[in-house]
Amino acid sequence: MIRASLGNRAKESLIVDIINHTDLDTIDDKASVIDAFFIFAQSEQQREVQELVTDENLNEDAAKRYIMSSLKRKFANENGTELNAVLPKMSPLNPQCLTKKQSFF
């Protein structure tokens, strides 16, 4: 049923995770299910952002701003200074700079 809807398909792993990690008997009504899902999704998003920042050695504040603004716009922009502020400081002439930018973007 989850895969039947294109809108839900993107949320499939979150739905499965909340089912596996939550005692569903403690949730009383439909509104509480939606609230629990929203809280769970936010905590997963924060955990994944922190994991990305740590794994890629990114500037934490800039990375959070970039990711949140990209989510609001519903697209990520690789042009401008926003993405460059996220990445670790390195010379644009360094061949690893472009590789790092592409791997993050």
PDB file of N, CA and C in Angstrom:
ATOM      1  N   MET A   1       0.823  -1.194   0.000  1.00  0.00           N
ATOM      2  CA  MET A   1       0.000   0.000   0.000  1.00  0.00           C
ATOM      3  C   MET A   1       0.871   1.264   0.000  1.00  0.00           C
ATOM      4  N   ILE A   2       2.004   1.215   0.702  1.00  0.00           N
ATOM      5  CA  ILE A   2       2.898   2.377   0.748  1.00  0.00           C
ATOM      6  C   ILE A   2       3.437   2.679  -0.640  1.00  0.00           C
ATOM      7  N   ARG A   3       3.800   1.643  -1.371  1.00  0.00           N
ATOM      8  CA  ARG A   3       4.392   1.820  -2.697  1.00  0.00           C
ATOM      9  C   ARG A   3       3.366   2.219  -3.750  1.00  0.00           C
ATOM     10  N   ALA A   4       2.084   2.151  -3.445  1.00  0.00           N
ATOM     11  CA  ALA A   4       1.048   2.488  -4.411  1.00  0.00           C
ATOM     12  C   ALA A   4       1.008   3.982  -4.699  1.00  0.00           C
ATOM     13  N   SER A   5       1.451   4.784  -3.768  1.00  0.00           N
ATOM     14  CA  SER A   5       1.416   6.236  -3.925  1.00  0.00           C
ATOM     15  C   SER A   5       2.823   6.772  -4.140  1.00  0.00           C
ATOM     16  N   LEU A   6       2.987   7.590  -5.177  1.00  0.00           N
ATOM     17  CA  LEU A   6       4.301   8.193  -5.431  1.00  0.00           C
ATOM     18  C   LEU A   6       4.743   9.068  -4.271  1.00  0.00           C
ATOM     19  N   GLY A   7       3.813   9.769  -3.650  1.00  0.00           N
ATOM     20  CA  GLY A   7       4.146  10.629  -2.522  1.00  0.00           C
ATOM     21  C   GLY A   7       4.620   9.852  -1.308  1.00  0.00           C
ATOM     22  N   ASN A   8       4.066   8.667  -1.103  1.00  0.00           N
ATOM     23  CA  ASN A   8       4.456   7.848   0.045  1.00  0.00           C
ATOM     24  C   ASN A   8       5.701   7.028  -0.217  1.00  0.00           C
ATOM     25  N   ARG A   9       5.980   6.741  -1.478  1.00  0.00           N
ATOM     26  CA  ARG A   9       7.121   5.890  -1.811  1.00  0.00           C
ATOM     27  C   ARG A   9       8.427   6.477  -1.288  1.00  0.00           C
ATOM     28  N   ALA A  10       8.562   7.794  -1.337  1.00  0.00           N
ATOM     29  CA  ALA A  10       9.775   8.449  -0.842  1.00  0.00           C
ATOM     30  C   ALA A  10       9.884   8.336   0.681  1.00  0.00           C
ATOM     31  N   LYS A  11       8.764   8.156   1.342  1.00  0.00           N
ATOM     32  CA  LYS A  11       8.741   8.076   2.805  1.00  0.00           C
ATOM     33  C   LYS A  11       8.723   6.634   3.309  1.00  0.00           C
ATOM     34  N   GLU A  12       8.838   5.678   2.402  1.00  0.00           N
ATOM     35  CA  GLU A  12       8.694   4.264   2.773  1.00  0.00           C
ATOM     36  C   GLU A  12       9.634   3.849   3.898  1.00  0.00           C
ATOM     37  N   SER A  13      10.902   4.186   3.783  1.00  0.00           N
ATOM     38  CA  SER A  13      11.851   3.753   4.815  1.00  0.00           C
ATOM     39  C   SER A  13      11.536   4.408   6.158  1.00  0.00           C
ATOM     40  N   LEU A  14      11.090   5.664   6.139  1.00  0.00           N
ATOM     41  CA  LEU A  14      10.699   6.326   7.393  1.00  0.00           C
ATOM     42  C   LEU A  14       9.490   5.641   8.020  1.00  0.00           C
ATOM     43  N   ILE A  15       8.525   5.277   7.189  1.00  0.00           N
ATOM     44  CA  ILE A  15       7.319   4.618   7.694  1.00  0.00           C
ATOM     45  C   ILE A  15       7.675   3.269   8.312  1.00  0.00           C
ATOM     46  N   VAL A  16       8.516   2.510   7.626  1.00  0.00           N
ATOM     47  CA  VAL A  16       8.938   1.206   8.149  1.00  0.00           C
ATOM     48  C   VAL A  16       9.722   1.386   9.447  1.00  0.00           C
ATOM     49  N   ASP A  17      10.614   2.386   9.485  1.00  0.00           N
ATOM     50  CA  ASP A  17      11.410   2.631  10.695  1.00  0.00           C
ATOM     51  C   ASP A  17      10.542   3.026  11.884  1.00  0.00           C
ATOM     52  N   ILE A  18       9.556   3.895  11.658  1.00  0.00           N
ATOM     53  CA  ILE A  18       8.712   4.304  12.791  1.00  0.00           C
ATOM     54  C   ILE A  18       7.878   3.126  13.282  1.00  0.00           C
ATOM     55  N   ILE A  19       7.444   2.260  12.376  1.00  0.00           N
ATOM     56  CA  ILE A  19       6.694   1.070  12.794  1.00  0.00           C
ATOM     57  C   ILE A  19       7.575   0.166  13.650  1.00  0.00           C
ATOM     58  N   ASN A  20       8.835   0.023  13.249  1.00  0.00           N
ATOM     59  CA  ASN A  20       9.753  -0.858  13.975  1.00  0.00           C
ATOM     60  C   ASN A  20      10.241  -0.275  15.298  1.00  0.00           C
ATOM     61  N   HIS A  21      10.281   1.054  15.418  1.00  0.00           N
ATOM     62  CA  HIS A  21      10.860   1.683  16.603  1.00  0.00           C
ATOM     63  C   HIS A  21       9.832   2.291  17.561  1.00  0.00           C
ATOM     64  N   THR A  22       8.560   2.183  17.245  1.00  0.00           N
ATOM     65  CA  THR A  22       7.531   2.818  18.065  1.00  0.00           C
ATOM     66  C   THR A  22       6.529   1.775  18.546  1.00  0.00           C
ATOM     67  N   ASP A  23       6.101   1.929  19.782  1.00  0.00           N
ATOM     68  CA  ASP A  23       5.025   1.083  20.299  1.00  0.00           C
ATOM     69  C   ASP A  23       3.717   1.701  19.818  1.00  0.00           C
ATOM     70  N   LEU A  24       3.171   1.152  18.757  1.00  0.00           N
ATOM     71  CA  LEU A  24       1.986   1.736  18.128  1.00  0.00           C
ATOM     72  C   LEU A  24       0.741   1.644  19.012  1.00  0.00           C
ATOM     73  N   ASP A  25       0.753   0.761  19.990  1.00  0.00           N
ATOM     74  CA  ASP A  25      -0.396   0.645  20.898  1.00  0.00           C
ATOM     75  C   ASP A  25      -0.548   1.874  21.790  1.00  0.00           C
ATOM     76  N   THR A  26       0.519   2.645  21.952  1.00  0.00           N
ATOM     77  CA  THR A  26       0.453   3.841  22.802  1.00  0.00           C
ATOM     78  C   THR A  26      -0.106   5.053  22.054  1.00  0.00           C
ATOM     79  N   ILE A  27      -0.266   4.929  20.743  1.00  0.00           N
ATOM     80  CA  ILE A  27      -0.792   6.042  19.941  1.00  0.00           C
ATOM     81  C   ILE A  27      -2.306   5.888  19.850  1.00  0.00           C
ATOM     82  N   ASP A  28      -3.020   6.934  20.287  1.00  0.00           N
ATOM     83  CA  ASP A  28      -4.471   6.840  20.444  1.00  0.00           C
ATOM     84  C   ASP A  28      -5.271   7.048  19.162  1.00  0.00           C
ATOM     85  N   ASP A  29      -4.971   8.113  18.434  1.00  0.00           N
ATOM     86  CA  ASP A  29      -5.809   8.447  17.285  1.00  0.00           C
ATOM     87  C   ASP A  29      -4.961   8.832  16.073  1.00  0.00           C
ATOM     88  N   LYS A  30      -5.650   9.143  14.991  1.00  0.00           N
ATOM     89  CA  LYS A  30      -4.990   9.461  13.720  1.00  0.00           C
ATOM     90  C   LYS A  30      -4.080  10.686  13.848  1.00  0.00           C
ATOM     91  N   ALA A  31      -4.538  11.696  14.549  1.00  0.00           N
ATOM     92  CA  ALA A  31      -3.736  12.912  14.724  1.00  0.00           C
ATOM     93  C   ALA A  31      -2.447  12.612  15.487  1.00  0.00           C
ATOM     94  N   SER A  32      -2.527  11.732  16.464  1.00  0.00           N
ATOM     95  CA  SER A  32      -1.337  11.361  17.235  1.00  0.00           C
ATOM     96  C   SER A  32      -0.342  10.583  16.386  1.00  0.00           C
ATOM     97  N   VAL A  33      -0.843   9.775  15.456  1.00  0.00           N
ATOM     98  CA  VAL A  33       0.032   9.041  14.534  1.00  0.00           C
ATOM     99  C   VAL A  33       0.800  10.026  13.661  1.00  0.00           C
ATOM    100  N   ILE A  34       0.098  11.016  13.154  1.00  0.00           N
ATOM    101  CA  ILE A  34       0.730  12.027  12.297  1.00  0.00           C
ATOM    102  C   ILE A  34       1.766  12.815  13.091  1.00  0.00           C
ATOM    103  N   ASP A  35       1.428  13.203  14.322  1.00  0.00           N
ATOM    104  CA  ASP A  35       2.382  13.922  15.174  1.00  0.00           C
ATOM    105  C   ASP A  35       3.613  13.075  15.468  1.00  0.00           C
ATOM    106  N   ALA A  36       3.399  11.805  15.794  1.00  0.00           N
ATOM    107  CA  ALA A  36       4.519  10.903  16.095  1.00  0.00           C
ATOM    108  C   ALA A  36       5.409  10.725  14.868  1.00  0.00           C
ATOM    109  N   PHE A  37       4.796  10.611  13.695  1.00  0.00           N
ATOM    110  CA  PHE A  37       5.573  10.463  12.463  1.00  0.00           C
ATOM    111  C   PHE A  37       6.393  11.722  12.195  1.00  0.00           C
ATOM    112  N   PHE A  38       5.790  12.893  12.381  1.00  0.00           N
ATOM    113  CA  PHE A  38       6.481  14.156  12.139  1.00  0.00           C
ATOM    114  C   PHE A  38       7.678  14.307  13.076  1.00  0.00           C
ATOM    115  N   ILE A  39       7.492  13.992  14.348  1.00  0.00           N
ATOM    116  CA  ILE A  39       8.584  14.080  15.329  1.00  0.00           C
ATOM    117  C   ILE A  39       9.686  13.086  14.986  1.00  0.00           C
ATOM    118  N   PHE A  40       9.295  11.865  14.625  1.00  0.00           N
ATOM    119  CA  PHE A  40      10.273  10.841  14.253  1.00  0.00           C
ATOM    120  C   PHE A  40      11.051  11.266  13.007  1.00  0.00           C
ATOM    121  N   ALA A  41      10.350  11.800  12.008  1.00  0.00           N
ATOM    122  CA  ALA A  41      11.004  12.228  10.767  1.00  0.00           C
ATOM    123  C   ALA A  41      11.997  13.357  11.034  1.00  0.00           C
ATOM    124  N   GLN A  42      11.623  14.303  11.895  1.00  0.00           N
ATOM    125  CA  GLN A  42      12.536  15.394  12.233  1.00  0.00           C
ATOM    126  C   GLN A  42      13.781  14.878  12.944  1.00  0.00           C
ATOM    127  N   SER A  43      13.611  13.950  13.864  1.00  0.00           N
ATOM    128  CA  SER A  43      14.775  13.427  14.583  1.00  0.00           C
ATOM    129  C   SER A  43      15.678  12.627  13.649  1.00  0.00           C
ATOM    130  N   GLU A  44      15.101  11.890  12.716  1.00  0.00           N
ATOM    131  CA  GLU A  44      15.899  11.148  11.732  1.00  0.00           C
ATOM    132  C   GLU A  44      16.649  12.109  10.812  1.00  0.00           C
ATOM    133  N   GLN A  45      15.983  13.196  10.420  1.00  0.00           N
ATOM    134  CA  GLN A  45      16.628  14.191   9.566  1.00  0.00           C
ATOM    135  C   GLN A  45      17.823  14.807  10.289  1.00  0.00           C
ATOM    136  N   GLN A  46      17.652  15.170  11.543  1.00  0.00           N
ATOM    137  CA  GLN A  46      18.748  15.754  12.315  1.00  0.00           C
ATOM    138  C   GLN A  46      19.889  14.764  12.500  1.00  0.00           C
ATOM    139  N   ARG A  47      19.559  13.500  12.732  1.00  0.00           N
ATOM    140  CA  ARG A  47      20.584  12.468  12.895  1.00  0.00           C
ATOM    141  C   ARG A  47      21.371  12.282  11.597  1.00  0.00           C
ATOM    142  N   GLU A  48      20.663  12.251  10.466  1.00  0.00           N
ATOM    143  CA  GLU A  48      21.332  12.060   9.182  1.00  0.00           C
ATOM    144  C   GLU A  48      22.192  13.265   8.808  1.00  0.00           C
ATOM    145  N   VAL A  49      21.728  14.473   9.123  1.00  0.00           N
ATOM    146  CA  VAL A  49      22.529  15.670   8.864  1.00  0.00           C
ATOM    147  C   VAL A  49      23.802  15.628   9.698  1.00  0.00           C
ATOM    148  N   GLN A  50      23.672  15.279  10.971  1.00  0.00           N
ATOM    149  CA  GLN A  50      24.843  15.201  11.846  1.00  0.00           C
ATOM    150  C   GLN A  50      25.814  14.134  11.358  1.00  0.00           C
ATOM    151  N   GLU A  51      25.293  13.015  10.911  1.00  0.00           N
ATOM    152  CA  GLU A  51      26.134  11.934  10.383  1.00  0.00           C
ATOM    153  C   GLU A  51      26.876  12.392   9.126  1.00  0.00           C
ATOM    154  N   LEU A  52      26.184  13.116   8.249  1.00  0.00           N
ATOM    155  CA  LEU A  52      26.804  13.635   7.028  1.00  0.00           C
ATOM    156  C   LEU A  52      27.898  14.642   7.359  1.00  0.00           C
ATOM    157  N   VAL A  53      27.625  15.541   8.291  1.00  0.00           N
ATOM    158  CA  VAL A  53      28.604  16.549   8.698  1.00  0.00           C
ATOM    159  C   VAL A  53      29.853  15.878   9.251  1.00  0.00           C
ATOM    160  N   THR A  54      29.663  14.881  10.086  1.00  0.00           N
ATOM    161  CA  THR A  54      30.792  14.175  10.691  1.00  0.00           C
ATOM    162  C   THR A  54      31.569  13.375   9.653  1.00  0.00           C
ATOM    163  N   ASP A  55      30.859  12.604   8.835  1.00  0.00           N
ATOM    164  CA  ASP A  55      31.518  11.742   7.846  1.00  0.00           C
ATOM    165  C   ASP A  55      32.298  12.533   6.801  1.00  0.00           C
ATOM    166  N   GLU A  56      31.745  13.675   6.379  1.00  0.00           N
ATOM    167  CA  GLU A  56      32.366  14.460   5.307  1.00  0.00           C
ATOM    168  C   GLU A  56      33.226  15.610   5.831  1.00  0.00           C
ATOM    169  N   ASN A  57      33.308  15.755   7.158  1.00  0.00           N
ATOM    170  CA  ASN A  57      34.105  16.818   7.778  1.00  0.00           C
ATOM    171  C   ASN A  57      33.665  18.200   7.283  1.00  0.00           C
ATOM    172  N   LEU A  58      32.362  18.460   7.369  1.00  0.00           N
ATOM    173  CA  LEU A  58      31.783  19.701   6.860  1.00  0.00           C
ATOM    174  C   LEU A  58      31.672  20.744   7.963  1.00  0.00           C
ATOM    175  N   ASN A  59      31.507  21.997   7.543  1.00  0.00           N
ATOM    176  CA  ASN A  59      31.223  23.089   8.465  1.00  0.00           C
ATOM    177  C   ASN A  59      29.783  22.892   8.943  1.00  0.00           C
ATOM    178  N   GLU A  60      29.606  22.598  10.213  1.00  0.00           N
ATOM    179  CA  GLU A  60      28.298  22.184  10.732  1.00  0.00           C
ATOM    180  C   GLU A  60      27.210  23.235  10.542  1.00  0.00           C
ATOM    181  N   ASP A  61      27.462  24.478  10.947  1.00  0.00           N
ATOM    182  CA  ASP A  61      26.431  25.514  10.841  1.00  0.00           C
ATOM    183  C   ASP A  61      26.061  25.787   9.388  1.00  0.00           C
ATOM    184  N   ALA A  62      27.071  25.910   8.532  1.00  0.00           N
ATOM    185  CA  ALA A  62      26.817  26.176   7.113  1.00  0.00           C
ATOM    186  C   ALA A  62      26.094  25.003   6.462  1.00  0.00           C
ATOM    187  N   ALA A  63      26.457  23.783   6.837  1.00  0.00           N
ATOM    188  CA  ALA A  63      25.812  22.594   6.270  1.00  0.00           C
ATOM    189  C   ALA A  63      24.337  22.548   6.652  1.00  0.00           C
ATOM    190  N   LYS A  64      24.036  22.839   7.907  1.00  0.00           N
ATOM    191  CA  LYS A  64      22.641  22.833   8.350  1.00  0.00           C
ATOM    192  C   LYS A  64      21.830  23.905   7.625  1.00  0.00           C
ATOM    193  N   ARG A  65      22.409  25.105   7.485  1.00  0.00           N
ATOM    194  CA  ARG A  65      21.717  26.175   6.752  1.00  0.00           C
ATOM    195  C   ARG A  65      21.473  25.773   5.305  1.00  0.00           C
ATOM    196  N   TYR A  66      22.502  25.218   4.658  1.00  0.00           N
ATOM    197  CA  TYR A  66      22.405  24.827   3.250  1.00  0.00           C
ATOM    198  C   TYR A  66      21.343  23.740   3.058  1.00  0.00           C
ATOM    199  N   ILE A  67      21.357  22.744   3.907  1.00  0.00           N
ATOM    200  CA  ILE A  67      20.399  21.640   3.781  1.00  0.00           C
ATOM    201  C   ILE A  67      18.978  22.128   4.046  1.00  0.00           C
ATOM    202  N   MET A  68      18.786  22.926   5.089  1.00  0.00           N
ATOM    203  CA  MET A  68      17.447  23.424   5.404  1.00  0.00           C
ATOM    204  C   MET A  68      16.912  24.340   4.303  1.00  0.00           C
ATOM    205  N   SER A  69      17.755  25.220   3.770  1.00  0.00           N
ATOM    206  CA  SER A  69      17.284  26.099   2.696  1.00  0.00           C
ATOM    207  C   SER A  69      17.015  25.301   1.424  1.00  0.00           C
ATOM    208  N   SER A  70      17.795  24.262   1.171  1.00  0.00           N
ATOM    209  CA  SER A  70      17.554  23.406   0.001  1.00  0.00           C
ATOM    210  C   SER A  70      16.234  22.655   0.147  1.00  0.00           C
ATOM    211  N   LEU A  71      15.944  22.188   1.350  1.00  0.00           N
ATOM    212  CA  LEU A  71      14.676  21.496   1.578  1.00  0.00           C
ATOM    213  C   LEU A  71      13.491  22.446   1.412  1.00  0.00           C
ATOM    214  N   LYS A  72      13.633  23.689   1.870  1.00  0.00           N
ATOM    215  CA  LYS A  72      12.553  24.668   1.705  1.00  0.00           C
ATOM    216  C   LYS A  72      12.315  24.991   0.239  1.00  0.00           C
ATOM    217  N   ARG A  73      13.421  25.150  -0.523  1.00  0.00           N
ATOM    218  CA  ARG A  73      13.304  25.457  -1.955  1.00  0.00           C
ATOM    219  C   ARG A  73      12.915  24.237  -2.778  1.00  0.00           C
ATOM    220  N   LYS A  74      13.106  23.056  -2.208  1.00  0.00           N
ATOM    221  CA  LYS A  74      12.863  21.769  -2.860  1.00  0.00           C
ATOM    222  C   LYS A  74      13.862  21.484  -3.975  1.00  0.00           C
ATOM    223  N   PHE A  75      15.027  22.117  -3.906  1.00  0.00           N
ATOM    224  CA  PHE A  75      16.146  21.792  -4.794  1.00  0.00           C
ATOM    225  C   PHE A  75      17.424  22.328  -4.167  1.00  0.00           C
ATOM    226  N   ALA A  76      18.534  21.701  -4.527  1.00  0.00           N
ATOM    227  CA  ALA A  76      19.843  22.128  -4.023  1.00  0.00           C
ATOM    228  C   ALA A  76      20.576  22.850  -5.143  1.00  0.00           C
ATOM    229  N   ASN A  77      21.243  23.936  -4.798  1.00  0.00           N
ATOM    230  CA  ASN A  77      21.956  24.745  -5.775  1.00  0.00           C
ATOM    231  C   ASN A  77      23.455  24.574  -5.565  1.00  0.00           C
ATOM    232  N   GLU A  78      24.162  24.201  -6.625  1.00  0.00           N
ATOM    233  CA  GLU A  78      25.610  24.032  -6.494  1.00  0.00           C
ATOM    234  C   GLU A  78      26.377  25.305  -6.832  1.00  0.00           C
ATOM    235  N   ASN A  79      25.694  26.326  -7.313  1.00  0.00           N
ATOM    236  CA  ASN A  79      26.343  27.596  -7.647  1.00  0.00           C
ATOM    237  C   ASN A  79      26.292  28.541  -6.450  1.00  0.00           C
ATOM    238  N   GLY A  80      27.161  29.520  -6.459  1.00  0.00           N
ATOM    239  CA  GLY A  80      27.178  30.496  -5.376  1.00  0.00           C
ATOM    240  C   GLY A  80      28.087  30.068  -4.244  1.00  0.00           C
ATOM    241  N   THR A  81      27.992  30.805  -3.161  1.00  0.00           N
ATOM    242  CA  THR A  81      28.911  30.578  -2.046  1.00  0.00           C
ATOM    243  C   THR A  81      28.349  29.663  -0.965  1.00  0.00           C
ATOM    244  N   GLU A  82      27.048  29.379  -1.007  1.00  0.00           N
ATOM    245  CA  GLU A  82      26.447  28.541   0.040  1.00  0.00           C
ATOM    246  C   GLU A  82      27.121  27.179   0.140  1.00  0.00           C
ATOM    247  N   LEU A  83      27.254  26.492  -0.984  1.00  0.00           N
ATOM    248  CA  LEU A  83      27.850  25.156  -0.976  1.00  0.00           C
ATOM    249  C   LEU A  83      29.326  25.225  -0.616  1.00  0.00           C
ATOM    250  N   ASN A  84      30.031  26.235  -1.115  1.00  0.00           N
ATOM    251  CA  ASN A  84      31.458  26.372  -0.798  1.00  0.00           C
ATOM    252  C   ASN A  84      31.687  26.584   0.696  1.00  0.00           C
ATOM    253  N   ALA A  85      30.759  27.269   1.362  1.00  0.00           N
ATOM    254  CA  ALA A  85      30.894  27.506   2.803  1.00  0.00           C
ATOM    255  C   ALA A  85      30.733  26.214   3.602  1.00  0.00           C
ATOM    256  N   VAL A  86      30.020  25.258   3.053  1.00  0.00           N
ATOM    257  CA  VAL A  86      29.778  23.981   3.726  1.00  0.00           C
ATOM    258  C   VAL A  86      31.025  23.111   3.723  1.00  0.00           C
ATOM    259  N   LEU A  87      31.732  23.116   2.616  1.00  0.00           N
ATOM    260  CA  LEU A  87      32.867  22.214   2.419  1.00  0.00           C
ATOM    261  C   LEU A  87      34.077  22.638   3.238  1.00  0.00           C
ATOM    262  N   PRO A  88      34.944  21.686   3.562  1.00  0.00           N
ATOM    263  CA  PRO A  88      36.182  22.038   4.267  1.00  0.00           C
ATOM    264  C   PRO A  88      37.001  23.017   3.427  1.00  0.00           C
ATOM    265  N   LYS A  89      37.724  23.906   4.091  1.00  0.00           N
ATOM    266  CA  LYS A  89      38.521  24.909   3.386  1.00  0.00           C
ATOM    267  C   LYS A  89      39.624  24.228   2.578  1.00  0.00           C
ATOM    268  N   MET A  90      39.629  24.495   1.269  1.00  0.00           N
ATOM    269  CA  MET A  90      40.716  24.049   0.408  1.00  0.00           C
ATOM    270  C   MET A  90      40.741  24.934  -0.827  1.00  0.00           C
ATOM    271  N   SER A  91      41.879  25.018  -1.441  1.00  0.00           N
ATOM    272  CA  SER A  91      42.069  25.862  -2.609  1.00  0.00           C
ATOM    273  C   SER A  91      41.228  25.354  -3.775  1.00  0.00           C
ATOM    274  N   PRO A  92      40.589  26.266  -4.523  1.00  0.00           N
ATOM    275  CA  PRO A  92      39.837  25.842  -5.706  1.00  0.00           C
ATOM    276  C   PRO A  92      40.747  25.215  -6.775  1.00  0.00           C
ATOM    277  N   LEU A  93      42.049  25.460  -6.675  1.00  0.00           N
ATOM    278  CA  LEU A  93      42.997  24.879  -7.621  1.00  0.00           C
ATOM    279  C   LEU A  93      43.342  23.435  -7.261  1.00  0.00           C
ATOM    280  N   ASN A  94      43.029  23.044  -6.051  1.00  0.00           N
ATOM    281  CA  ASN A  94      43.285  21.679  -5.600  1.00  0.00           C
ATOM    282  C   ASN A  94      42.313  20.737  -6.323  1.00  0.00           C
ATOM    283  N   PRO A  95      42.816  19.695  -6.999  1.00  0.00           N
ATOM    284  CA  PRO A  95      41.926  18.778  -7.718  1.00  0.00           C
ATOM    285  C   PRO A  95      40.911  18.080  -6.804  1.00  0.00           C
ATOM    286  N   GLN A  96      41.240  17.940  -5.533  1.00  0.00           N
ATOM    287  CA  GLN A  96      40.313  17.304  -4.597  1.00  0.00           C
ATOM    288  C   GLN A  96      39.118  18.198  -4.279  1.00  0.00           C
ATOM    289  N   CYS A  97      39.255  19.491  -4.518  1.00  0.00           N
ATOM    290  CA  CYS A  97      38.171  20.434  -4.224  1.00  0.00           C
ATOM    291  C   CYS A  97      36.935  20.101  -5.063  1.00  0.00           C
ATOM    292  N   LEU A  98      37.112  19.922  -6.359  1.00  0.00           N
ATOM    293  CA  LEU A  98      35.989  19.601  -7.239  1.00  0.00           C
ATOM    294  C   LEU A  98      35.412  18.226  -6.905  1.00  0.00           C
ATOM    295  N   THR A  99      36.280  17.278  -6.614  1.00  0.00           N
ATOM    296  CA  THR A  99      35.833  15.931  -6.253  1.00  0.00           C
ATOM    297  C   THR A  99      34.992  15.967  -4.983  1.00  0.00           C
ATOM    298  N   LYS A 100      35.440  16.721  -3.990  1.00  0.00           N
ATOM    299  CA  LYS A 100      34.711  16.840  -2.722  1.00  0.00           C
ATOM    300  C   LYS A 100      33.357  17.503  -2.959  1.00  0.00           C
ATOM    301  N   LYS A 101      33.343  18.550  -3.774  1.00  0.00           N
ATOM    302  CA  LYS A 101      32.106  19.268  -4.061  1.00  0.00           C
ATOM    303  C   LYS A 101      31.112  18.345  -4.768  1.00  0.00           C
ATOM    304  N   GLN A 102      31.596  17.576  -5.732  1.00  0.00           N
ATOM    305  CA  GLN A 102      30.722  16.663  -6.465  1.00  0.00           C
ATOM    306  C   GLN A 102      30.212  15.536  -5.573  1.00  0.00           C
ATOM    307  N   SER A 103      31.056  15.037  -4.684  1.00  0.00           N
ATOM    308  CA  SER A 103      30.618  13.940  -3.811  1.00  0.00           C
ATOM    309  C   SER A 103      29.561  14.419  -2.823  1.00  0.00           C
ATOM    310  N   PHE A 104      29.679  15.664  -2.364  1.00  0.00           N
ATOM    311  CA  PHE A 104      28.684  16.202  -1.440  1.00  0.00           C
ATOM    312  C   PHE A 104      27.398  16.535  -2.171  1.00  0.00           C
ATOM    313  N   PHE A 105      27.512  17.164  -3.334  1.00  0.00           N
ATOM    314  CA  PHE A 105      26.338  17.601  -4.066  1.00  0.00           C
ATOM    315  C   PHE A 105      25.676  16.416  -4.707  1.00  0.00           C
TER     316      PHE A 105
END
